[in-house]
Amino acid sequence: MANVEHDEDGDDLEQTEEPVGADEKDSALVFGGGAVLGAALLAIVWMVVSVVNGGSDPESTPATAEVGRPAAPAVTTPQPSRQDRCQQAMSTLSEPLQAAQPAMDQWEVHIGAMNKLVVGAITLQQATAFWDQTRIGAEHRITEFRESVRSMRHTPVDCPSTVPPTAAPALRACVRRVDADRRAIRAARTAIATWDMHVTDMERLRTGKLSAAKAGEMWVAMWQRGQDELKAYRTAIRDARRAGSCDGSAAEPPQAAAPSPGASPSMDMPGMG
């Protein structure tokens, strides 16, 4: 059917024929336009979601490709053997033992002067000179020992006191040495504590804070106690040397007993016989 279009003046315009299948084309256009519009809306929604999520992209999100990747094998540090632990324990204990020696030697000379005075080997004036001499630097040596003991606490002594009968001889010797060193340190702490109290009393007497009578009474008590404590310390040191060492060196052969604090130590000074 022909369609006649008229202009505003009523003149006939070009006559056109309506193409066959126009309805189908219109439907296709509508469908295609809807698909384009839907894609545009989907793109807008995706942009909004991306902005809300901080603009994350596949590279910034956790990668799912890592799932299933075999984990790296854990690195295990081998545990030290019992021999190694005991050897380290001996090394740790050696420092406070070395620091104890100067203080113990000084205390022994101080007690020895009293022993000589009691048996009449020296005069009171000579004994006083010895006491004044051993007082010098005493507090410093005592402090060095105590600081060494405190620092030892940061390195635990990890050595068992008992070992199975089948343990190697080197391990048994090392355990015996560590036990003996422990006893020697305990004996040194006890003896040095008594020496420290006497050093304090001497300083109080020198500054007039302690009477001579009271100082003399306290000194007799310190002297008697100190002899027993020094003897225990010397015995522990001797036992440690006989026990051997953790480095494989042989134990020291038994020696003649060291003179006890009750004996007269060597205290030669100019003008003193």
C-alpha atoms as a PDB file:
ATOM      1  CA  MET A   1       0.000   0.000   0.000  1.00  0.00           C
ATOM      2  CA  ALA A   2       1.343   3.388  -0.983  1.00  0.00           C
ATOM      3  CA  ASN A   3       1.638   6.191   1.524  1.00  0.00           C
ATOM      4  CA  VAL A   4       1.250   9.726   0.354  1.00  0.00           C
ATOM      5  CA  GLU A   5       2.905  12.382   2.481  1.00  0.00           C
ATOM      6  CA  HIS A   6       1.690  15.964   2.272  1.00  0.00           C
ATOM      7  CA  ASP A   7       3.625  19.030   3.235  1.00  0.00           C
ATOM      8  CA  GLU A   8       2.201  21.880   5.182  1.00  0.00           C
ATOM      9  CA  ASP A   9       0.964  23.559   1.927  1.00  0.00           C
ATOM     10  CA  GLY A  10      -0.914  20.475   0.816  1.00  0.00           C
ATOM     11  CA  ASP A  11       1.459  19.629  -2.021  1.00  0.00           C
ATOM     12  CA  ASP A  12       2.166  16.008  -2.589  1.00  0.00           C
ATOM     13  CA  LEU A  13       5.566  14.814  -1.549  1.00  0.00           C
ATOM     14  CA  GLU A  14       7.475  11.830  -2.841  1.00  0.00           C
ATOM     15  CA  GLN A  15       5.442   8.708  -2.696  1.00  0.00           C
ATOM     16  CA  THR A  16       7.201   5.937  -0.709  1.00  0.00           C
ATOM     17  CA  GLU A  17       6.513   2.296  -0.322  1.00  0.00           C
ATOM     18  CA  GLU A  18       6.550   0.710   3.201  1.00  0.00           C
ATOM     19  CA  PRO A  19       9.192  -2.003   3.172  1.00  0.00           C
ATOM     20  CA  VAL A  20       8.185  -5.517   3.827  1.00  0.00           C
ATOM     21  CA  GLY A  21       9.351  -6.873   7.268  1.00  0.00           C
ATOM     22  CA  ALA A  22       9.605  -3.517   9.005  1.00  0.00           C
ATOM     23  CA  ASP A  23       8.146  -4.939  12.218  1.00  0.00           C
ATOM     24  CA  GLU A  24      10.918  -7.506  12.459  1.00  0.00           C
ATOM     25  CA  LYS A  25      13.606  -4.832  11.942  1.00  0.00           C
ATOM     26  CA  ASP A  26      12.049  -2.604  14.570  1.00  0.00           C
ATOM     27  CA  SER A  27      12.081  -5.497  17.042  1.00  0.00           C
ATOM     28  CA  ALA A  28      15.740  -6.182  16.277  1.00  0.00           C
ATOM     29  CA  LEU A  29      16.604  -2.535  16.844  1.00  0.00           C
ATOM     30  CA  VAL A  30      14.779  -2.509  20.140  1.00  0.00           C
ATOM     31  CA  PHE A  31      16.544  -5.679  21.291  1.00  0.00           C
ATOM     32  CA  GLY A  32      19.943  -4.449  20.171  1.00  0.00           C
ATOM     33  CA  GLY A  33      19.460  -1.111  21.848  1.00  0.00           C
ATOM     34  CA  GLY A  34      18.478  -2.843  25.084  1.00  0.00           C
ATOM     35  CA  ALA A  35      21.570  -5.010  24.993  1.00  0.00           C
ATOM     36  CA  VAL A  36      23.794  -1.977  24.510  1.00  0.00           C
ATOM     37  CA  LEU A  37      22.030  -0.154  27.316  1.00  0.00           C
ATOM     38  CA  GLY A  38      22.354  -3.199  29.595  1.00  0.00           C
ATOM     39  CA  ALA A  39      26.080  -3.427  28.874  1.00  0.00           C
ATOM     40  CA  ALA A  40      26.458   0.252  29.630  1.00  0.00           C
ATOM     41  CA  LEU A  41      24.604  -0.143  32.932  1.00  0.00           C
ATOM     42  CA  LEU A  42      26.760  -3.166  33.839  1.00  0.00           C
ATOM     43  CA  ALA A  43      29.912  -1.134  33.133  1.00  0.00           C
ATOM     44  CA  ILE A  44      28.647   1.680  35.351  1.00  0.00           C
ATOM     45  CA  VAL A  45      27.840  -0.756  38.161  1.00  0.00           C
ATOM     46  CA  TRP A  46      31.320  -2.318  37.858  1.00  0.00           C
ATOM     47  CA  MET A  47      32.945   1.128  38.054  1.00  0.00           C
ATOM     48  CA  VAL A  48      30.940   1.986  41.178  1.00  0.00           C
ATOM     49  CA  VAL A  49      31.885  -1.302  42.856  1.00  0.00           C
ATOM     50  CA  SER A  50      35.545  -0.743  41.988  1.00  0.00           C
ATOM     51  CA  VAL A  51      35.505   2.733  43.539  1.00  0.00           C
ATOM     52  CA  VAL A  52      33.845   1.433  46.708  1.00  0.00           C
ATOM     53  CA  ASN A  53      36.433  -1.326  47.016  1.00  0.00           C
ATOM     54  CA  GLY A  54      39.295   1.147  46.733  1.00  0.00           C
ATOM     55  CA  GLY A  55      40.022   0.616  43.098  1.00  0.00           C
ATOM     56  CA  SER A  56      41.397  -2.858  43.646  1.00  0.00           C
ATOM     57  CA  ASP A  57      42.443  -4.838  40.681  1.00  0.00           C
ATOM     58  CA  PRO A  58      43.274  -8.507  40.250  1.00  0.00           C
ATOM     59  CA  GLU A  59      46.927  -7.816  40.963  1.00  0.00           C
ATOM     60  CA  SER A  60      46.238  -6.103  44.301  1.00  0.00           C
ATOM     61  CA  THR A  61      43.782  -8.688  45.577  1.00  0.00           C
ATOM     62  CA  PRO A  62      44.959 -11.866  47.245  1.00  0.00           C
ATOM     63  CA  ALA A  63      46.089 -14.170  44.519  1.00  0.00           C
ATOM     64  CA  THR A  64      44.228 -17.420  44.463  1.00  0.00           C
ATOM     65  CA  ALA A  65      47.017 -18.910  42.411  1.00  0.00           C
ATOM     66  CA  GLU A  66      49.071 -19.251  45.616  1.00  0.00           C
ATOM     67  CA  VAL A  67      46.627 -21.825  46.933  1.00  0.00           C
ATOM     68  CA  GLY A  68      48.082 -25.258  46.659  1.00  0.00           C
ATOM     69  CA  ARG A  69      51.721 -24.140  46.363  1.00  0.00           C
ATOM     70  CA  PRO A  70      53.866 -26.398  48.570  1.00  0.00           C
ATOM     71  CA  ALA A  71      55.199 -24.630  51.666  1.00  0.00           C
ATOM     72  CA  ALA A  72      58.936 -24.191  52.063  1.00  0.00           C
ATOM     73  CA  PRO A  73      60.449 -26.846  54.323  1.00  0.00           C
ATOM     74  CA  ALA A  74      60.969 -25.660  57.912  1.00  0.00           C
ATOM     75  CA  VAL A  75      64.587 -25.159  58.938  1.00  0.00           C
ATOM     76  CA  THR A  76      65.309 -27.069  62.142  1.00  0.00           C
ATOM     77  CA  THR A  77      68.300 -26.267  64.336  1.00  0.00           C
ATOM     78  CA  PRO A  78      69.891 -29.355  65.857  1.00  0.00           C
ATOM     79  CA  GLN A  79      69.691 -29.437  69.634  1.00  0.00           C
ATOM     80  CA  PRO A  80      73.046 -29.308  71.462  1.00  0.00           C
ATOM     81  CA  SER A  81      74.171 -32.590  72.943  1.00  0.00           C
ATOM     82  CA  ARG A  82      74.436 -33.168  76.671  1.00  0.00           C
ATOM     83  CA  GLN A  83      78.210 -32.938  76.398  1.00  0.00           C
ATOM     84  CA  ASP A  84      77.924 -29.548  74.662  1.00  0.00           C
ATOM     85  CA  ARG A  85      75.532 -28.234  77.308  1.00  0.00           C
ATOM     86  CA  CYS A  86      77.787 -29.324  80.155  1.00  0.00           C
ATOM     87  CA  GLN A  87      80.833 -27.859  78.465  1.00  0.00           C
ATOM     88  CA  GLN A  88      79.003 -24.536  78.094  1.00  0.00           C
ATOM     89  CA  ALA A  89      78.004 -24.757  81.767  1.00  0.00           C
ATOM     90  CA  MET A  90      81.619 -25.152  82.824  1.00  0.00           C
ATOM     91  CA  SER A  91      82.580 -22.105  80.750  1.00  0.00           C
ATOM     92  CA  THR A  92      79.783 -20.076  82.356  1.00  0.00           C
ATOM     93  CA  LEU A  93      80.807 -21.070  85.890  1.00  0.00           C
ATOM     94  CA  SER A  94      84.473 -20.306  85.309  1.00  0.00           C
ATOM     95  CA  GLU A  95      83.961 -16.521  85.308  1.00  0.00           C
ATOM     96  CA  PRO A  96      82.527 -16.136  88.843  1.00  0.00           C
ATOM     97  CA  LEU A  97      85.083 -18.661  90.115  1.00  0.00           C
ATOM     98  CA  GLN A  98      87.905 -16.548  88.728  1.00  0.00           C
ATOM     99  CA  ALA A  99      86.351 -13.406  90.204  1.00  0.00           C
ATOM    100  CA  ALA A 100      86.054 -15.096  93.614  1.00  0.00           C
ATOM    101  CA  GLN A 101      89.731 -15.974  93.890  1.00  0.00           C
ATOM    102  CA  PRO A 102      91.169 -12.485  94.652  1.00  0.00           C
ATOM    103  CA  ALA A 103      88.544 -11.789  97.305  1.00  0.00           C
ATOM    104  CA  MET A 104      89.038 -15.192  98.925  1.00  0.00           C
ATOM    105  CA  ASP A 105      92.826 -14.804  98.968  1.00  0.00           C
ATOM    106  CA  GLN A 106      92.476 -11.417 100.645  1.00  0.00           C
ATOM    107  CA  TRP A 107      90.096 -12.808 103.261  1.00  0.00           C
ATOM    108  CA  GLU A 108      92.437 -15.710 103.965  1.00  0.00           C
ATOM    109  CA  VAL A 109      95.399 -13.382 104.600  1.00  0.00           C
ATOM    110  CA  HIS A 110      93.208 -11.307 106.895  1.00  0.00           C
ATOM    111  CA  ILE A 111      92.254 -14.382 108.931  1.00  0.00           C
ATOM    112  CA  GLY A 112      95.851 -15.580 108.895  1.00  0.00           C
ATOM    113  CA  ALA A 113      96.962 -12.391 110.615  1.00  0.00           C
ATOM    114  CA  MET A 114      94.547 -13.137 113.419  1.00  0.00           C
ATOM    115  CA  ASN A 115      95.873 -16.686 113.669  1.00  0.00           C
ATOM    116  CA  LYS A 116      99.429 -15.413 113.995  1.00  0.00           C
ATOM    117  CA  LEU A 117      98.368 -12.882 116.593  1.00  0.00           C
ATOM    118  CA  VAL A 118      96.634 -15.539 118.695  1.00  0.00           C
ATOM    119  CA  VAL A 119      99.713 -17.776 118.810  1.00  0.00           C
ATOM    120  CA  GLY A 120     101.984 -14.805 119.482  1.00  0.00           C
ATOM    121  CA  ALA A 121     103.799 -14.960 116.153  1.00  0.00           C
ATOM    122  CA  ILE A 122     103.128 -11.254 115.525  1.00  0.00           C
ATOM    123  CA  THR A 123     102.235  -8.276 117.658  1.00  0.00           C
ATOM    124  CA  LEU A 124      98.926  -6.466 117.682  1.00  0.00           C
ATOM    125  CA  GLN A 125     100.563  -3.571 115.850  1.00  0.00           C
ATOM    126  CA  GLN A 126     101.777  -5.910 113.119  1.00  0.00           C
ATOM    127  CA  ALA A 127      98.393  -7.615 112.861  1.00  0.00           C
ATOM    128  CA  THR A 128      96.727  -4.229 112.540  1.00  0.00           C
ATOM    129  CA  ALA A 129      99.081  -3.376 109.693  1.00  0.00           C
ATOM    130  CA  PHE A 130      98.070  -6.568 107.892  1.00  0.00           C
ATOM    131  CA  TRP A 131      94.407  -5.839 108.432  1.00  0.00           C
ATOM    132  CA  ASP A 132      94.769  -2.336 107.072  1.00  0.00           C
ATOM    133  CA  GLN A 133      96.600  -3.717 104.052  1.00  0.00           C
ATOM    134  CA  THR A 134      93.963  -6.334 103.226  1.00  0.00           C
ATOM    135  CA  ARG A 135      91.171  -3.820 103.682  1.00  0.00           C
ATOM    136  CA  ILE A 136      92.415  -1.831 100.656  1.00  0.00           C
ATOM    137  CA  GLY A 137      90.491  -2.810  97.544  1.00  0.00           C
ATOM    138  CA  ALA A 138      88.391  -5.372  99.414  1.00  0.00           C
ATOM    139  CA  GLU A 139      85.057  -3.793  98.520  1.00  0.00           C
ATOM    140  CA  HIS A 140      86.046  -3.608  94.855  1.00  0.00           C
ATOM    141  CA  ARG A 141      86.933  -7.317  94.714  1.00  0.00           C
ATOM    142  CA  ILE A 142      83.746  -8.283  96.511  1.00  0.00           C
ATOM    143  CA  THR A 143      81.705  -6.221  94.054  1.00  0.00           C
ATOM    144  CA  GLU A 144      83.428  -7.813  91.068  1.00  0.00           C
ATOM    145  CA  PHE A 145      82.533 -11.283  92.317  1.00  0.00           C
ATOM    146  CA  ARG A 146      78.897 -10.435  92.943  1.00  0.00           C
ATOM    147  CA  GLU A 147      78.511  -8.781  89.547  1.00  0.00           C
ATOM    148  CA  SER A 148      79.961 -11.880  87.912  1.00  0.00           C
ATOM    149  CA  VAL A 149      77.446 -14.078  89.735  1.00  0.00           C
ATOM    150  CA  ARG A 150      74.581 -11.831  88.624  1.00  0.00           C
ATOM    151  CA  SER A 151      75.700 -11.905  84.996  1.00  0.00           C
ATOM    152  CA  MET A 152      75.811 -15.704  85.170  1.00  0.00           C
ATOM    153  CA  ARG A 153      72.048 -15.739  85.677  1.00  0.00           C
ATOM    154  CA  HIS A 154      71.545 -14.558  82.086  1.00  0.00           C
ATOM    155  CA  THR A 155      73.169 -17.783  80.854  1.00  0.00           C
ATOM    156  CA  PRO A 156      71.396 -20.722  82.499  1.00  0.00           C
ATOM    157  CA  VAL A 157      73.610 -23.611  83.556  1.00  0.00           C
ATOM    158  CA  ASP A 158      72.046 -26.525  81.696  1.00  0.00           C
ATOM    159  CA  CYS A 159      73.927 -29.640  82.737  1.00  0.00           C
ATOM    160  CA  PRO A 160      72.166 -32.611  84.377  1.00  0.00           C
ATOM    161  CA  SER A 161      73.621 -33.797  87.661  1.00  0.00           C
ATOM    162  CA  THR A 162      72.947 -37.418  86.830  1.00  0.00           C
ATOM    163  CA  VAL A 163      73.874 -39.411  83.738  1.00  0.00           C
ATOM    164  CA  PRO A 164      73.036 -42.978  82.742  1.00  0.00           C
ATOM    165  CA  PRO A 165      75.606 -45.681  83.524  1.00  0.00           C
ATOM    166  CA  THR A 166      76.208 -46.122  79.805  1.00  0.00           C
ATOM    167  CA  ALA A 167      77.317 -42.482  79.384  1.00  0.00           C
ATOM    168  CA  ALA A 168      80.757 -41.859  77.946  1.00  0.00           C
ATOM    169  CA  PRO A 169      83.583 -41.294  80.458  1.00  0.00           C
ATOM    170  CA  ALA A 170      84.153 -37.789  79.082  1.00  0.00           C
ATOM    171  CA  LEU A 171      80.549 -36.854  79.827  1.00  0.00           C
ATOM    172  CA  ARG A 172      80.679 -38.276  83.346  1.00  0.00           C
ATOM    173  CA  ALA A 173      83.865 -36.319  84.066  1.00  0.00           C
ATOM    174  CA  CYS A 174      82.287 -33.151  82.703  1.00  0.00           C
ATOM    175  CA  VAL A 175      79.198 -33.572  84.897  1.00  0.00           C
ATOM    176  CA  ARG A 176      81.385 -34.114  87.970  1.00  0.00           C
ATOM    177  CA  ARG A 177      83.332 -30.953  87.161  1.00  0.00           C
ATOM    178  CA  VAL A 178      80.219 -28.821  86.742  1.00  0.00           C
ATOM    179  CA  ASP A 179      78.783 -30.106  90.032  1.00  0.00           C
ATOM    180  CA  ALA A 180      82.058 -29.348  91.834  1.00  0.00           C
ATOM    181  CA  ASP A 181      82.196 -25.842  90.329  1.00  0.00           C
ATOM    182  CA  ARG A 182      78.655 -25.199  91.509  1.00  0.00           C
ATOM    183  CA  ARG A 183      79.606 -26.197  95.051  1.00  0.00           C
ATOM    184  CA  ALA A 184      82.692 -24.000  94.902  1.00  0.00           C
ATOM    185  CA  ILE A 185      80.632 -20.965  93.874  1.00  0.00           C
ATOM    186  CA  ARG A 186      78.140 -21.579  96.681  1.00  0.00           C
ATOM    187  CA  ALA A 187      81.017 -21.864  99.161  1.00  0.00           C
ATOM    188  CA  ALA A 188      82.575 -18.674  97.797  1.00  0.00           C
ATOM    189  CA  ARG A 189      79.305 -16.759  98.124  1.00  0.00           C
ATOM    190  CA  THR A 190      78.966 -17.812 101.757  1.00  0.00           C
ATOM    191  CA  ALA A 191      82.553 -16.947 102.667  1.00  0.00           C
ATOM    192  CA  ILE A 192      82.586 -13.647 100.776  1.00  0.00           C
ATOM    193  CA  ALA A 193      79.359 -12.597 102.485  1.00  0.00           C
ATOM    194  CA  THR A 194      81.107 -12.973 105.856  1.00  0.00           C
ATOM    195  CA  TRP A 195      84.165 -11.119 104.566  1.00  0.00           C
ATOM    196  CA  ASP A 196      81.916  -8.323 103.292  1.00  0.00           C
ATOM    197  CA  MET A 197      80.324  -7.918 106.727  1.00  0.00           C
ATOM    198  CA  HIS A 198      83.739  -7.661 108.340  1.00  0.00           C
ATOM    199  CA  VAL A 199      84.920  -5.089 105.795  1.00  0.00           C
ATOM    200  CA  THR A 200      81.848  -3.025 106.657  1.00  0.00           C
ATOM    201  CA  ASP A 201      82.621  -3.327 110.378  1.00  0.00           C
ATOM    202  CA  MET A 202      86.197  -2.174 109.799  1.00  0.00           C
ATOM    203  CA  GLU A 203      84.962   0.876 107.932  1.00  0.00           C
ATOM    204  CA  ARG A 204      82.474   1.690 110.701  1.00  0.00           C
ATOM    205  CA  LEU A 205      85.259   1.369 113.277  1.00  0.00           C
ATOM    206  CA  ARG A 206      87.539   3.616 111.230  1.00  0.00           C
ATOM    207  CA  THR A 207      84.881   6.324 110.945  1.00  0.00           C
ATOM    208  CA  GLY A 208      83.890   6.138 114.632  1.00  0.00           C
ATOM    209  CA  LYS A 209      80.482   4.542 114.011  1.00  0.00           C
ATOM    210  CA  LEU A 210      81.426   1.377 115.928  1.00  0.00           C
ATOM    211  CA  SER A 211      83.164   1.128 119.270  1.00  0.00           C
ATOM    212  CA  ALA A 212      86.456  -0.740 119.565  1.00  0.00           C
ATOM    213  CA  ALA A 213      84.992  -3.146 122.126  1.00  0.00           C
ATOM    214  CA  LYS A 214      82.033  -4.027 119.938  1.00  0.00           C
ATOM    215  CA  ALA A 215      84.231  -4.291 116.850  1.00  0.00           C
ATOM    216  CA  GLY A 216      86.561  -6.688 118.664  1.00  0.00           C
ATOM    217  CA  GLU A 217      83.659  -8.870 119.748  1.00  0.00           C
ATOM    218  CA  MET A 218      82.229  -9.021 116.225  1.00  0.00           C
ATOM    219  CA  TRP A 219      85.665  -9.712 114.749  1.00  0.00           C
ATOM    220  CA  VAL A 220      86.171 -12.793 116.901  1.00  0.00           C
ATOM    221  CA  ALA A 221      82.858 -14.193 115.637  1.00  0.00           C
ATOM    222  CA  MET A 222      83.755 -13.384 112.010  1.00  0.00           C
ATOM    223  CA  TRP A 223      87.204 -14.906 112.412  1.00  0.00           C
ATOM    224  CA  GLN A 224      85.898 -18.247 113.700  1.00  0.00           C
ATOM    225  CA  ARG A 225      83.144 -18.445 111.084  1.00  0.00           C
ATOM    226  CA  GLY A 226      85.473 -17.368 108.316  1.00  0.00           C
ATOM    227  CA  GLN A 227      87.910 -20.198 109.018  1.00  0.00           C
ATOM    228  CA  ASP A 228      85.219 -22.841 108.519  1.00  0.00           C
ATOM    229  CA  GLU A 229      83.868 -21.174 105.384  1.00  0.00           C
ATOM    230  CA  LEU A 230      87.307 -20.789 103.837  1.00  0.00           C
ATOM    231  CA  LYS A 231      88.026 -24.445 104.504  1.00  0.00           C
ATOM    232  CA  ALA A 232      84.799 -25.461 102.738  1.00  0.00           C
ATOM    233  CA  TYR A 233      85.700 -23.265  99.770  1.00  0.00           C
ATOM    234  CA  ARG A 234      89.233 -24.669  99.429  1.00  0.00           C
ATOM    235  CA  THR A 235      87.855 -28.216  99.602  1.00  0.00           C
ATOM    236  CA  ALA A 236      85.342 -27.489  96.837  1.00  0.00           C
ATOM    237  CA  ILE A 237      88.060 -25.983  94.614  1.00  0.00           C
ATOM    238  CA  ARG A 238      90.271 -29.020  95.184  1.00  0.00           C
ATOM    239  CA  ASP A 239      87.408 -31.379  94.304  1.00  0.00           C
ATOM    240  CA  ALA A 240      86.744 -29.448  91.095  1.00  0.00           C
ATOM    241  CA  ARG A 241      90.348 -29.786  89.966  1.00  0.00           C
ATOM    242  CA  ARG A 242      90.322 -33.484  90.685  1.00  0.00           C
ATOM    243  CA  ALA A 243      87.114 -33.985  88.719  1.00  0.00           C
ATOM    244  CA  GLY A 244      88.820 -33.147  85.451  1.00  0.00           C
ATOM    245  CA  SER A 245      87.495 -30.904  82.726  1.00  0.00           C
ATOM    246  CA  CYS A 246      84.867 -30.816  80.000  1.00  0.00           C
ATOM    247  CA  ASP A 247      87.433 -30.247  77.266  1.00  0.00           C
ATOM    248  CA  GLY A 248      88.936 -33.693  77.645  1.00  0.00           C
ATOM    249  CA  SER A 249      91.964 -32.718  79.715  1.00  0.00           C
ATOM    250  CA  ALA A 250      92.938 -35.087  82.501  1.00  0.00           C
ATOM    251  CA  ALA A 251      92.114 -34.455  86.127  1.00  0.00           C
ATOM    252  CA  GLU A 252      94.824 -33.072  88.352  1.00  0.00           C
ATOM    253  CA  PRO A 253      96.524 -35.701  90.495  1.00  0.00           C
ATOM    254  CA  PRO A 254      95.796 -35.570  94.229  1.00  0.00           C
ATOM    255  CA  GLN A 255      98.035 -33.081  95.974  1.00  0.00           C
ATOM    256  CA  ALA A 256      98.969 -32.482  99.547  1.00  0.00           C
ATOM    257  CA  ALA A 257      96.195 -30.793 101.460  1.00  0.00           C
ATOM    258  CA  ALA A 258      96.418 -27.029 101.312  1.00  0.00           C
ATOM    259  CA  PRO A 259      97.049 -25.315 104.617  1.00  0.00           C
ATOM    260  CA  SER A 260      93.840 -24.595 106.432  1.00  0.00           C
ATOM    261  CA  PRO A 261      92.949 -21.024 107.390  1.00  0.00           C
ATOM    262  CA  GLY A 262      93.992 -21.919 110.913  1.00  0.00           C
ATOM    263  CA  ALA A 263      97.603 -22.222 109.759  1.00  0.00           C
ATOM    264  CA  SER A 264      99.842 -19.231 109.334  1.00  0.00           C
ATOM    265  CA  PRO A 265      99.811 -17.994 105.717  1.00  0.00           C
ATOM    266  CA  SER A 266     102.758 -16.188 104.215  1.00  0.00           C
ATOM    267  CA  MET A 267     102.422 -12.509 104.989  1.00  0.00           C
ATOM    268  CA  ASP A 268     105.924 -11.186 104.656  1.00  0.00           C
ATOM    269  CA  MET A 269     106.154  -7.426 104.964  1.00  0.00           C
ATOM    270  CA  PRO A 270     109.175  -5.146 105.361  1.00  0.00           C
ATOM    271  CA  GLY A 271     110.225  -4.882 108.945  1.00  0.00           C
ATOM    272  CA  MET A 272     108.117  -7.822 110.108  1.00  0.00           C
ATOM    273  CA  GLY A 273     109.527 -11.148 111.203  1.00  0.00           C
END
